[in-house]
Amino acid sequence: MNLPYNAFPLDQDPYDVRGFPHRLYIGGQWLPSSDGGLIEVTDPSSGAVIAAVPDATLEDAAAAVEAAAKAAKGWRETAPRKRSEILRRCFELMVERSETLAMLISLENGKALRDARGEVAYAAEFFRWNAEEAVRITGEFGTAPSGANRIVVDYQPIGICVLITPWNFPAAMATRKIAPALAAGCTVILKPASETPLTAYALAALYSDAGVPDGVVNVLTTSTPGPLTSAMLADPRVRKLSFTGSTGIGRALLAEAAKHVISCSMELGGNAPFIVFDDADLDAALDGAMIAKMRNAGEACTAANRIYVQSGIHDAFADGLAQRMAALKIGAGTKADTECGPMITKKAVDKIDRLVKDAVSRGAKVLCGGSVPEGDGFFYPPTVLSEVSPDADMAHEEIFGPVAPITRFESEAQAILHANNTEYGLAAYLYTRDVARGMRVAAEIEAGMIGLNRGLMSDPAAPFGGVKQSGLGREGGQHHGIAEFMEAKYIAVTF
C-alpha cells in the first residue's frame, strides 16, 4: 500500500504508520502523552494492530484548553476574509491529498475504499462551504417599537469549543464541526474516537499546512473520555460542546454540560425508516435502498434501519434487494474491488448477529446472508430479512451494519405509525410517484431530515440534525452550522 504523504515531524513514531502524524496535537506541537501511555489502533479487516497513539491525561487536556485560550483572541480578531482563505486552503489540500486520506480511512476504519473516497470529498466540502460563509456573518439593525432607541444585534464567536467525533466517519464528522467553528472565529479541541484517530491527526497536519495558526485546532486521543471531557467542560473558558455519537453518551454529556451551563450541539442516534409505497419506481427504490442501507456498510446514523414496503410491491422489492445485496463483494476496505468492508470491532459483529438471531426467532425469513463468516477480521455479510416483526429488537435498536430488515405494511396510516414508533427522529426515506402523498407523509413523519425519492440527503449546504432523542441543533446549512458556534449580543443605542 502506498501512502506517500509524510508530515510526521518527530524522530520516533509509535508503531510506524508510513509517516503519518499521530501524536497529541496541542498548540501546534506534536507531543506524547504526559505519562507516556498509548492506545493501540487495529485494522478491522485483519484484527492486527497497525499503530499506537498517545493516551491523553488530565494534564494533557488542560494543556489543550490553555493552548486554545492563548490562540482565541488572535483568531477571533482575524479578518473574516483571512479566515475564509485559510479554510479554502484546507479544502484545496484535502482535495490534493484525497487518495492518501481515503486509504488511511480504509486502513483504520475498514470501510470500502470507494466509500472512503466519498467521505473525503464530502468532508472537504465543509471547508469550501464554510470558507464562503465566513465572510457572510451579518448582524441586525432596527428601531425599537417604542422609538426610544435603535436595536443592534452583533454575532460573536461563542468561545473555546470541545468537539467529540465518532469512528464511523473520522474525516467528515471532524470537518463538519471544525470548519464552521473556525469560520465563526472559535478555537477548538477535537477528541476523535480512539478506534479511528489516525485520520484526525493527519488532518491536523493538513490544517497547519493550510495556515491555521497554532492553538486554533488541538487534537487529543484518550481511553478515558469521560474524565477528560468533564475536566475540559469544568474550565470556565470552554463555552461549547459539540458531540456526535450514541444517544446514551449524549444524555450523559448533556448532564455534565448542564453543571456549567455550556451550550451543546448533539447529533445522536438514528433509527431511520425507509418506506416504499406500491406506486414507487421499483428500480429507483432499490437504488435508493442500497445507498441508504449500505453507505459505509450500514455503519451510519442515517442508515435505513427499518424498511417498510407496501404489500403490492413487497415481494418484488424483497427479491430485488436480496439479489443486489448478495452480489456485493466482501473484503478488506483497502482493496479496490471491495464493496462491503468489515465492521469496526468484534463487539459490533456480535451485536449484529444478536439482532439477526432475535428477528429470525420472531419469524423473519433470511433471504441472503444472516450468519457470521469464519476467518480473520470483523466481517458480517450483507443480509436481507423479510417478514420482520415490528417487535423485533432491530426495529428499536440501531443495527449499525449491513442488515436490511423488511416489514410489510398495508396503508399509509400504518406506514406512518410504524415510522414514528421510535424514540429517535434523525432521518427517514420515502419512495412514491405521488408527490402529494410524499409531501403529506413527510410532514407527518417525526424526523429532522427526509429523503423523498432519494437515498442520500447529506449536504454541507443543508441543515443536518434530528428531533426527539436524535439530538439538539443542526450542522451545515446556510446559517445553521455557523450559528451553533456564535452568540447574539444585543446593543441598545440612543442616537
Protein backbone atom coordinates (compact mmCIF):
# COMPACT_ATOMS: atom_id res chain seq x y z
CA MET A 1 0.00 0.00 0.00
CA ASN A 2 1.41 3.39 -1.00
CA LEU A 3 0.80 6.25 1.43
CA PRO A 4 3.06 9.00 0.05
CA TYR A 5 2.15 11.85 2.40
CA ASN A 6 4.81 12.24 5.11
CA ALA A 7 4.29 15.03 7.62
CA PHE A 8 5.31 13.44 10.91
CA PRO A 9 7.95 15.73 12.43
CA LEU A 10 9.27 13.51 15.23
CA ASP A 11 12.21 11.13 15.11
CA GLN A 12 10.33 8.33 16.83
CA ASP A 13 6.92 7.17 15.66
CA PRO A 14 4.99 4.60 17.76
CA TYR A 15 4.17 1.65 15.52
CA ASP A 16 5.22 3.49 12.33
CA VAL A 17 2.22 4.21 10.11
CA ARG A 18 4.08 5.22 6.97
CA GLY A 19 4.98 8.68 8.18
CA PHE A 20 1.56 9.95 9.18
CA PRO A 21 1.50 12.23 12.24
CA HIS A 22 -0.22 10.58 15.17
CA ARG A 23 0.73 12.19 18.45
CA LEU A 24 -1.21 14.70 20.52
CA TYR A 25 -1.50 17.98 18.63
CA ILE A 26 -1.52 20.80 21.17
CA GLY A 27 -0.61 24.41 20.46
CA GLY A 28 0.94 23.45 17.13
CA GLN A 29 3.24 20.86 18.72
CA TRP A 30 3.26 17.06 18.30
CA LEU A 31 3.53 15.59 21.78
CA PRO A 32 3.42 12.25 23.58
CA SER A 33 1.00 11.93 26.47
CA SER A 34 2.32 13.30 29.75
CA ASP A 35 2.61 9.79 31.21
CA GLY A 36 3.73 8.06 28.01
CA GLY A 37 0.55 5.99 27.70
CA LEU A 38 -0.52 4.58 24.33
CA ILE A 39 -3.73 3.40 22.66
CA GLU A 40 -3.38 0.69 20.02
CA VAL A 41 -5.18 1.09 16.70
CA THR A 42 -6.49 -2.02 14.95
CA ASP A 43 -7.16 -2.79 11.29
CA PRO A 44 -10.72 -4.21 11.32
CA SER A 45 -10.00 -6.19 8.16
CA SER A 46 -7.47 -8.41 9.92
CA GLY A 47 -7.65 -7.64 13.62
CA ALA A 48 -3.96 -6.70 13.51
CA VAL A 49 -2.58 -3.75 15.45
CA ILE A 50 -1.31 -1.14 12.98
CA ALA A 51 -0.36 1.84 15.17
CA ALA A 52 -0.43 3.37 18.62
CA VAL A 53 -1.49 6.89 19.57
CA PRO A 54 -0.97 8.78 22.84
CA ASP A 55 -3.43 8.19 25.65
CA ALA A 56 -4.03 11.75 26.87
CA THR A 57 -4.18 12.55 30.56
CA LEU A 58 -5.99 15.26 32.51
CA GLU A 59 -2.78 17.28 32.31
CA ASP A 60 -2.81 16.99 28.51
CA ALA A 61 -6.45 18.07 28.38
CA ALA A 62 -5.65 21.13 30.49
CA ALA A 63 -2.76 21.95 28.14
CA ALA A 64 -5.12 21.74 25.14
CA VAL A 65 -7.58 24.16 26.75
CA GLU A 66 -4.73 26.51 27.59
CA ALA A 67 -3.45 26.40 24.01
CA ALA A 68 -6.94 27.12 22.65
CA ALA A 69 -7.31 30.01 25.10
CA LYS A 70 -3.98 31.56 24.08
CA ALA A 71 -4.94 31.41 20.42
CA ALA A 72 -8.54 32.61 20.91
CA LYS A 73 -8.08 36.39 20.81
CA GLY A 74 -5.87 36.40 17.74
CA TRP A 75 -8.19 34.08 15.82
CA ARG A 76 -11.42 35.87 16.68
CA GLU A 77 -9.82 39.17 15.59
CA THR A 78 -8.55 37.67 12.32
CA ALA A 79 -10.40 39.27 9.42
CA PRO A 80 -13.23 37.13 8.05
CA ARG A 81 -11.59 37.21 4.61
CA LYS A 82 -8.36 35.83 6.05
CA ARG A 83 -10.22 33.08 7.89
CA SER A 84 -12.07 32.32 4.67
CA GLU A 85 -8.85 31.99 2.69
CA ILE A 86 -7.36 29.59 5.25
CA LEU A 87 -10.49 27.44 5.18
CA ARG A 88 -10.41 27.44 1.40
CA ARG A 89 -6.80 26.26 1.52
CA CYS A 90 -7.85 23.41 3.84
CA PHE A 91 -10.35 22.36 1.17
CA GLU A 92 -7.72 22.51 -1.56
CA LEU A 93 -5.22 20.43 0.41
CA MET A 94 -7.86 17.82 1.20
CA VAL A 95 -8.61 17.51 -2.50
CA GLU A 96 -4.90 17.25 -3.32
CA ARG A 97 -4.37 14.55 -0.70
CA SER A 98 -7.73 12.85 -1.13
CA GLU A 99 -6.45 9.46 -2.27
CA THR A 100 -3.96 9.24 0.57
CA LEU A 101 -6.55 10.27 3.15
CA ALA A 102 -9.05 7.78 1.73
CA MET A 103 -6.52 4.97 2.02
CA LEU A 104 -5.80 5.93 5.64
CA ILE A 105 -9.52 5.91 6.47
CA SER A 106 -9.93 2.49 4.88
CA LEU A 107 -6.95 1.19 6.81
CA GLU A 108 -8.09 2.21 10.29
CA ASN A 109 -11.87 2.15 9.79
CA GLY A 110 -12.21 -0.78 7.39
CA LYS A 111 -14.69 0.95 5.09
CA ALA A 112 -14.57 0.17 1.40
CA LEU A 113 -12.16 2.44 -0.46
CA ARG A 114 -14.94 3.77 -2.66
CA ASP A 115 -16.84 4.86 0.46
CA ALA A 116 -13.67 6.35 1.94
CA ARG A 117 -13.15 8.41 -1.21
CA GLY A 118 -16.72 9.64 -0.94
CA GLU A 119 -16.18 10.57 2.67
CA VAL A 120 -13.05 12.61 1.92
CA ALA A 121 -14.86 14.51 -0.83
CA TYR A 122 -17.80 15.18 1.49
CA ALA A 123 -15.51 16.18 4.37
CA ALA A 124 -13.58 18.62 2.19
CA GLU A 125 -16.80 20.33 1.12
CA PHE A 126 -17.37 21.58 4.68
CA PHE A 127 -14.25 23.69 4.34
CA ARG A 128 -15.27 25.07 0.95
CA TRP A 129 -18.81 25.82 2.15
CA ASN A 130 -17.73 27.48 5.39
CA ALA A 131 -14.98 29.42 3.62
CA GLU A 132 -17.81 31.05 1.69
CA GLU A 133 -19.97 31.53 4.77
CA ALA A 134 -17.18 33.03 6.91
CA VAL A 135 -17.44 36.36 5.07
CA ARG A 136 -21.25 36.43 5.24
CA ILE A 137 -21.77 36.61 9.00
CA THR A 138 -24.04 39.59 9.42
CA GLY A 139 -25.76 41.40 12.28
CA GLU A 140 -29.13 43.10 12.65
CA PHE A 141 -30.20 46.73 12.91
CA GLY A 142 -33.66 48.10 13.64
CA THR A 143 -35.73 50.58 15.59
CA ALA A 144 -37.32 49.62 18.90
CA PRO A 145 -41.13 49.62 18.71
CA SER A 146 -41.23 52.49 21.22
CA GLY A 147 -38.96 54.55 19.01
CA ALA A 148 -36.73 55.25 22.01
CA ASN A 149 -33.61 53.55 20.67
CA ARG A 150 -32.05 51.51 17.93
CA ILE A 151 -31.65 47.73 18.26
CA VAL A 152 -28.25 46.46 17.17
CA VAL A 153 -27.54 42.71 17.23
CA ASP A 154 -23.98 41.52 16.76
CA TYR A 155 -22.94 37.87 16.39
CA GLN A 156 -19.71 36.94 18.12
CA PRO A 157 -17.71 33.68 18.46
CA ILE A 158 -19.03 31.62 21.35
CA GLY A 159 -15.54 30.76 22.62
CA ILE A 160 -13.47 27.62 23.09
CA CYS A 161 -15.25 24.54 21.72
CA VAL A 162 -14.82 20.89 22.69
CA LEU A 163 -15.66 18.68 19.71
CA ILE A 164 -16.22 14.94 20.11
CA THR A 165 -16.50 12.79 17.00
CA PRO A 166 -17.27 9.09 16.30
CA TRP A 167 -15.32 6.41 14.46
CA ASN A 168 -17.66 5.79 11.51
CA PHE A 169 -16.79 8.96 9.56
CA PRO A 170 -13.42 10.03 11.00
CA ALA A 171 -12.86 12.82 8.46
CA ALA A 172 -16.36 14.14 7.79
CA MET A 173 -17.55 14.27 11.39
CA ALA A 174 -14.46 16.31 12.29
CA THR A 175 -14.61 18.81 9.43
CA ARG A 176 -18.38 19.24 9.85
CA LYS A 177 -17.63 20.71 13.28
CA ILE A 178 -14.20 22.27 12.83
CA ALA A 179 -14.97 24.22 9.65
CA PRO A 180 -17.97 26.23 10.98
CA ALA A 181 -16.28 26.75 14.35
CA LEU A 182 -13.22 28.25 12.67
CA ALA A 183 -15.38 30.27 10.29
CA ALA A 184 -17.16 31.75 13.31
CA GLY A 185 -13.84 32.68 14.93
CA CYS A 186 -13.67 29.96 17.60
CA THR A 187 -10.73 27.83 18.69
CA VAL A 188 -11.33 24.12 19.21
CA ILE A 189 -10.20 20.93 20.91
CA LEU A 190 -11.08 17.81 18.94
CA LYS A 191 -11.36 14.43 20.65
CA PRO A 192 -11.72 11.81 17.90
CA ALA A 193 -12.75 8.23 18.57
CA SER A 194 -9.88 6.07 19.78
CA GLU A 195 -10.79 3.42 17.17
CA THR A 196 -10.01 5.79 14.28
CA PRO A 197 -7.62 8.52 15.45
CA LEU A 198 -5.10 8.46 12.59
CA THR A 199 -7.29 10.44 10.18
CA ALA A 200 -7.83 13.20 12.75
CA TYR A 201 -4.10 13.61 13.28
CA ALA A 202 -3.33 13.55 9.55
CA LEU A 203 -5.91 16.30 9.08
CA ALA A 204 -4.38 18.31 11.92
CA ALA A 205 -1.11 18.38 9.98
CA LEU A 206 -3.05 19.47 6.92
CA TYR A 207 -4.67 22.37 8.79
CA SER A 208 -1.24 23.55 9.86
CA ASP A 209 -0.02 23.39 6.26
CA ALA A 210 -3.06 25.43 5.23
CA GLY A 211 -2.14 28.25 7.61
CA VAL A 212 -4.36 27.56 10.63
CA PRO A 213 -2.45 29.25 13.49
CA ASP A 214 -1.01 27.20 16.33
CA GLY A 215 -3.55 26.53 19.06
CA VAL A 216 -6.62 27.20 16.94
CA VAL A 217 -7.13 23.46 16.40
CA ASN A 218 -5.93 20.97 19.02
CA VAL A 219 -6.37 17.20 18.86
CA LEU A 220 -6.09 14.64 21.63
CA THR A 221 -6.96 10.97 21.98
CA THR A 222 -7.81 9.17 25.18
CA SER A 223 -9.02 5.85 26.54
CA THR A 224 -10.86 7.70 29.34
CA PRO A 225 -13.05 10.21 27.50
CA GLY A 226 -15.45 10.76 30.41
CA PRO A 227 -13.00 12.23 32.93
CA LEU A 228 -11.12 14.24 30.29
CA THR A 229 -14.30 15.72 28.87
CA SER A 230 -15.57 16.55 32.35
CA ALA A 231 -12.32 18.31 33.15
CA MET A 232 -12.43 20.40 29.98
CA LEU A 233 -16.09 21.33 30.47
CA ALA A 234 -15.30 22.42 34.02
CA ASP A 235 -12.86 25.03 32.73
CA PRO A 236 -14.83 28.32 32.56
CA ARG A 237 -13.10 29.25 29.31
CA VAL A 238 -14.82 26.38 27.49
CA ARG A 239 -18.22 27.53 26.23
CA LYS A 240 -19.32 24.96 23.66
CA LEU A 241 -19.69 21.18 23.38
CA SER A 242 -20.47 19.59 20.03
CA PHE A 243 -20.91 15.82 20.08
CA THR A 244 -21.74 13.16 17.52
CA GLY A 245 -22.37 9.68 18.86
CA SER A 246 -24.84 7.49 20.68
CA THR A 247 -27.90 8.83 22.43
CA GLY A 248 -26.83 7.22 25.71
CA ILE A 249 -23.49 9.01 25.79
CA GLY A 250 -25.19 12.18 24.59
CA ARG A 251 -27.51 12.16 27.59
CA ALA A 252 -24.54 11.80 29.94
CA LEU A 253 -22.69 14.66 28.26
CA LEU A 254 -25.75 16.91 28.43
CA ALA A 255 -25.94 16.27 32.17
CA GLU A 256 -22.26 17.09 32.56
CA ALA A 257 -22.55 20.26 30.47
CA ALA A 258 -25.58 21.36 32.48
CA LYS A 259 -23.37 21.64 35.56
CA HIS A 260 -21.54 24.51 33.89
CA VAL A 261 -24.37 25.85 31.63
CA ILE A 262 -22.43 25.09 28.46
CA SER A 263 -24.06 25.37 25.04
CA CYS A 264 -24.50 21.94 23.45
CA SER A 265 -25.00 20.62 19.94
CA MET A 266 -25.89 16.94 19.87
CA GLU A 267 -26.08 14.72 16.80
CA LEU A 268 -27.17 11.42 18.30
CA GLY A 269 -28.55 8.02 17.28
CA GLY A 270 -30.96 7.21 14.49
CA ASN A 271 -33.50 4.55 13.54
CA ALA A 272 -34.38 5.61 10.02
CA PRO A 273 -37.49 4.20 8.34
CA PHE A 274 -37.34 3.55 4.59
CA ILE A 275 -40.90 3.50 3.22
CA VAL A 276 -41.76 2.14 -0.22
CA PHE A 277 -45.31 2.60 -1.48
CA ASP A 278 -46.95 0.43 -4.13
CA ASP A 279 -46.71 3.18 -6.74
CA ALA A 280 -42.94 3.66 -6.30
CA ASP A 281 -40.49 3.20 -9.15
CA LEU A 282 -39.12 -0.21 -8.14
CA ASP A 283 -35.64 0.22 -9.61
CA ALA A 284 -35.30 3.71 -8.16
CA ALA A 285 -36.41 2.44 -4.75
CA LEU A 286 -33.90 -0.41 -4.90
CA ASP A 287 -31.14 2.00 -5.93
CA GLY A 288 -32.06 4.27 -3.04
CA ALA A 289 -32.22 1.41 -0.56
CA MET A 290 -28.74 0.25 -1.50
CA ILE A 291 -27.38 3.75 -0.87
CA ALA A 292 -29.37 4.40 2.31
CA LYS A 293 -28.59 0.97 3.75
CA MET A 294 -25.10 0.17 2.51
CA ARG A 295 -23.30 3.51 2.67
CA ASN A 296 -20.33 2.72 4.90
CA ALA A 297 -21.63 -0.89 5.15
CA GLY A 298 -24.59 0.34 7.19
CA GLU A 299 -22.41 1.91 9.89
CA ALA A 300 -24.12 5.30 9.70
CA CYS A 301 -26.65 7.07 11.91
CA THR A 302 -28.68 7.91 8.80
CA ALA A 303 -28.70 4.31 7.53
CA ALA A 304 -32.05 2.77 6.63
CA ASN A 305 -32.69 0.73 9.78
CA ARG A 306 -36.31 -0.30 9.19
CA ILE A 307 -37.60 -0.94 5.68
CA TYR A 308 -41.37 -0.82 5.29
CA VAL A 309 -42.75 -1.98 1.93
CA GLN A 310 -46.41 -1.90 0.89
CA SER A 311 -47.89 -5.31 0.11
CA GLY A 312 -48.36 -4.79 -3.61
CA ILE A 313 -44.65 -4.26 -4.25
CA HIS A 314 -43.25 -6.15 -1.24
CA ASP A 315 -42.20 -9.41 -2.89
CA ALA A 316 -40.59 -7.79 -5.92
CA PHE A 317 -38.69 -5.34 -3.72
CA ALA A 318 -37.52 -8.02 -1.29
CA ASP A 319 -36.29 -10.28 -4.09
CA GLY A 320 -34.57 -7.41 -5.88
CA LEU A 321 -32.83 -6.18 -2.75
CA ALA A 322 -31.66 -9.67 -1.81
CA GLN A 323 -30.15 -10.16 -5.27
CA ARG A 324 -28.27 -6.87 -5.06
CA MET A 325 -27.06 -7.39 -1.51
CA ALA A 326 -25.91 -10.96 -2.15
CA ALA A 327 -23.83 -9.77 -5.12
CA LEU A 328 -21.73 -7.33 -3.07
CA LYS A 329 -18.07 -8.24 -2.75
CA ILE A 330 -16.84 -8.51 0.84
CA GLY A 331 -13.22 -7.79 1.66
CA ALA A 332 -10.62 -5.54 3.23
CA GLY A 333 -11.51 -1.89 2.87
CA THR A 334 -8.20 -1.03 1.21
CA LYS A 335 -8.82 -3.41 -1.72
CA ALA A 336 -10.07 -1.59 -4.81
CA ASP A 337 -12.85 -4.08 -5.59
CA THR A 338 -14.32 -4.30 -2.07
CA GLU A 339 -17.95 -3.19 -1.82
CA CYS A 340 -18.60 -4.15 1.82
CA GLY A 341 -15.76 -3.91 4.31
CA PRO A 342 -15.56 -5.17 7.89
CA MET A 343 -17.36 -3.82 10.91
CA ILE A 344 -15.34 -1.68 13.30
CA THR A 345 -14.92 -4.29 16.10
CA LYS A 346 -15.85 -7.84 17.05
CA LYS A 347 -18.28 -6.35 19.56
CA ALA A 348 -20.11 -4.71 16.66
CA VAL A 349 -20.34 -8.04 14.82
CA ASP A 350 -21.67 -9.74 17.94
CA LYS A 351 -24.41 -7.13 18.28
CA ILE A 352 -25.47 -7.50 14.65
CA ASP A 353 -25.56 -11.28 15.00
CA ARG A 354 -27.69 -10.99 18.13
CA LEU A 355 -30.20 -8.73 16.38
CA VAL A 356 -30.47 -11.05 13.36
CA LYS A 357 -30.99 -14.12 15.53
CA ASP A 358 -33.65 -12.31 17.53
CA ALA A 359 -35.52 -11.31 14.36
CA VAL A 360 -35.37 -14.86 12.99
CA SER A 361 -36.67 -16.24 16.29
CA ARG A 362 -39.69 -13.96 15.85
CA GLY A 363 -40.48 -15.26 12.35
CA ALA A 364 -38.20 -13.30 10.00
CA LYS A 365 -37.03 -15.08 6.85
CA VAL A 366 -33.38 -14.86 5.77
CA LEU A 367 -33.18 -14.04 2.06
CA CYS A 368 -29.38 -13.70 1.99
CA GLY A 369 -26.52 -13.59 4.48
CA GLY A 370 -27.51 -13.98 8.09
CA SER A 371 -24.51 -15.61 9.75
CA VAL A 372 -21.01 -14.65 10.87
CA PRO A 373 -18.35 -15.91 8.43
CA GLU A 374 -15.23 -17.72 9.55
CA GLY A 375 -11.78 -16.16 9.25
CA ASP A 376 -9.87 -13.11 10.40
CA GLY A 377 -11.30 -9.64 10.70
CA PHE A 378 -14.64 -8.32 11.88
CA PHE A 379 -16.91 -9.18 8.96
CA TYR A 380 -20.67 -9.63 8.65
CA PRO A 381 -22.21 -10.40 5.24
CA PRO A 382 -24.82 -8.20 3.56
CA THR A 383 -28.10 -9.59 4.86
CA VAL A 384 -31.76 -9.21 3.87
CA LEU A 385 -34.58 -10.31 6.16
CA SER A 386 -38.25 -10.32 5.19
CA GLU A 387 -41.38 -10.52 7.33
CA VAL A 388 -39.55 -8.84 10.22
CA SER A 389 -41.81 -8.32 13.21
CA PRO A 390 -42.27 -4.73 14.43
CA ASP A 391 -41.49 -6.15 17.87
CA ALA A 392 -38.02 -7.40 16.85
CA ASP A 393 -35.12 -5.83 18.70
CA MET A 394 -33.68 -4.45 15.45
CA ALA A 395 -36.83 -2.37 15.00
CA HIS A 396 -35.89 -0.45 18.13
CA GLU A 397 -32.07 -0.55 18.16
CA GLU A 398 -29.60 0.81 15.64
CA ILE A 399 -28.25 -2.14 13.68
CA PHE A 400 -25.15 -0.27 12.51
CA GLY A 401 -24.32 -2.96 9.99
CA PRO A 402 -25.21 -4.39 6.55
CA VAL A 403 -28.58 -5.85 7.52
CA ALA A 404 -31.78 -4.82 5.73
CA PRO A 405 -34.94 -5.83 7.69
CA ILE A 406 -38.14 -5.63 5.61
CA THR A 407 -41.61 -5.33 7.14
CA ARG A 408 -44.82 -5.43 5.11
CA PHE A 409 -47.46 -2.71 5.51
CA GLU A 410 -50.91 -2.10 4.02
CA SER A 411 -51.92 1.55 4.40
CA GLU A 412 -50.35 4.98 4.51
CA ALA A 413 -51.52 5.45 8.08
CA GLN A 414 -49.90 2.17 9.10
CA ALA A 415 -46.60 3.20 7.50
CA ILE A 416 -46.59 6.50 9.39
CA LEU A 417 -47.42 4.72 12.65
CA HIS A 418 -44.52 2.29 12.15
CA ALA A 419 -42.13 5.07 11.16
CA ASN A 420 -42.85 7.16 14.25
CA ASN A 421 -42.78 4.23 16.68
CA THR A 422 -39.29 5.05 17.94
CA GLU A 423 -37.59 7.41 20.36
CA TYR A 424 -35.33 8.54 17.51
CA GLY A 425 -36.02 11.10 14.81
CA LEU A 426 -32.94 11.71 12.68
CA ALA A 427 -33.62 10.60 9.10
CA ALA A 428 -36.37 8.96 7.05
CA TYR A 429 -36.79 7.92 3.41
CA LEU A 430 -39.91 7.76 1.23
CA TYR A 431 -40.46 6.35 -2.25
CA THR A 432 -43.63 7.14 -4.18
CA ARG A 433 -44.54 8.56 -7.60
CA ASP A 434 -47.31 10.62 -5.96
CA VAL A 435 -45.61 13.86 -4.94
CA ALA A 436 -48.63 14.97 -2.92
CA ARG A 437 -48.52 11.76 -0.92
CA GLY A 438 -44.77 12.13 -0.48
CA MET A 439 -45.09 15.64 0.92
CA ARG A 440 -48.05 14.63 3.09
CA VAL A 441 -46.24 11.67 4.63
CA ALA A 442 -43.01 13.69 5.02
CA ALA A 443 -44.94 16.24 7.05
CA GLU A 444 -46.27 13.52 9.35
CA ILE A 445 -43.01 11.69 9.98
CA GLU A 446 -41.13 12.79 13.08
CA ALA A 447 -37.61 13.24 11.69
CA GLY A 448 -35.22 16.12 11.15
CA MET A 449 -34.36 15.02 7.60
CA ILE A 450 -36.41 13.35 4.88
CA GLY A 451 -35.18 11.80 1.65
CA LEU A 452 -38.11 11.90 -0.80
CA ASN A 453 -37.26 9.54 -3.68
CA ARG A 454 -33.62 9.88 -2.63
CA GLY A 455 -31.35 7.52 -0.74
CA LEU A 456 -28.78 10.18 0.13
CA MET A 457 -29.52 13.50 1.82
CA SER A 458 -26.31 14.72 3.46
CA ASP A 459 -25.07 18.03 2.07
CA PRO A 460 -22.92 20.77 3.67
CA ALA A 461 -25.42 23.31 2.34
CA ALA A 462 -28.33 21.70 4.20
CA PRO A 463 -29.04 21.56 7.96
CA PHE A 464 -28.17 18.12 9.37
CA GLY A 465 -29.77 17.01 12.61
CA GLY A 466 -32.69 15.28 14.27
CA VAL A 467 -35.61 15.59 16.66
CA LYS A 468 -36.67 13.64 19.75
CA GLN A 469 -33.77 11.54 21.12
CA SER A 470 -31.72 12.08 17.95
CA GLY A 471 -30.25 15.34 19.09
CA LEU A 472 -30.20 19.09 19.53
CA GLY A 473 -29.16 21.71 17.00
CA ARG A 474 -28.06 21.45 13.38
CA GLU A 475 -24.80 21.14 11.47
CA GLY A 476 -24.34 22.59 7.99
CA GLY A 477 -26.84 24.75 6.12
CA GLN A 478 -26.80 28.36 5.02
CA HIS A 479 -26.55 29.72 8.54
CA HIS A 480 -27.39 26.86 10.92
CA GLY A 481 -23.87 25.43 11.17
CA ILE A 482 -22.08 28.68 11.99
CA ALA A 483 -24.91 29.85 14.26
CA GLU A 484 -24.19 26.91 16.59
CA PHE A 485 -20.78 28.50 17.29
CA MET A 486 -21.91 32.10 17.82
CA GLU A 487 -23.68 34.17 20.44
CA ALA A 488 -26.04 37.05 19.74
CA LYS A 489 -25.15 40.28 21.53
CA TYR A 490 -27.87 42.95 21.71
CA ILE A 491 -26.82 46.59 21.99
CA ALA A 492 -29.44 49.27 22.68
CA VAL A 493 -28.31 52.55 21.14
CA THR A 494 -29.73 56.02 21.53
CA PHE A 495 -28.59 58.50 18.88
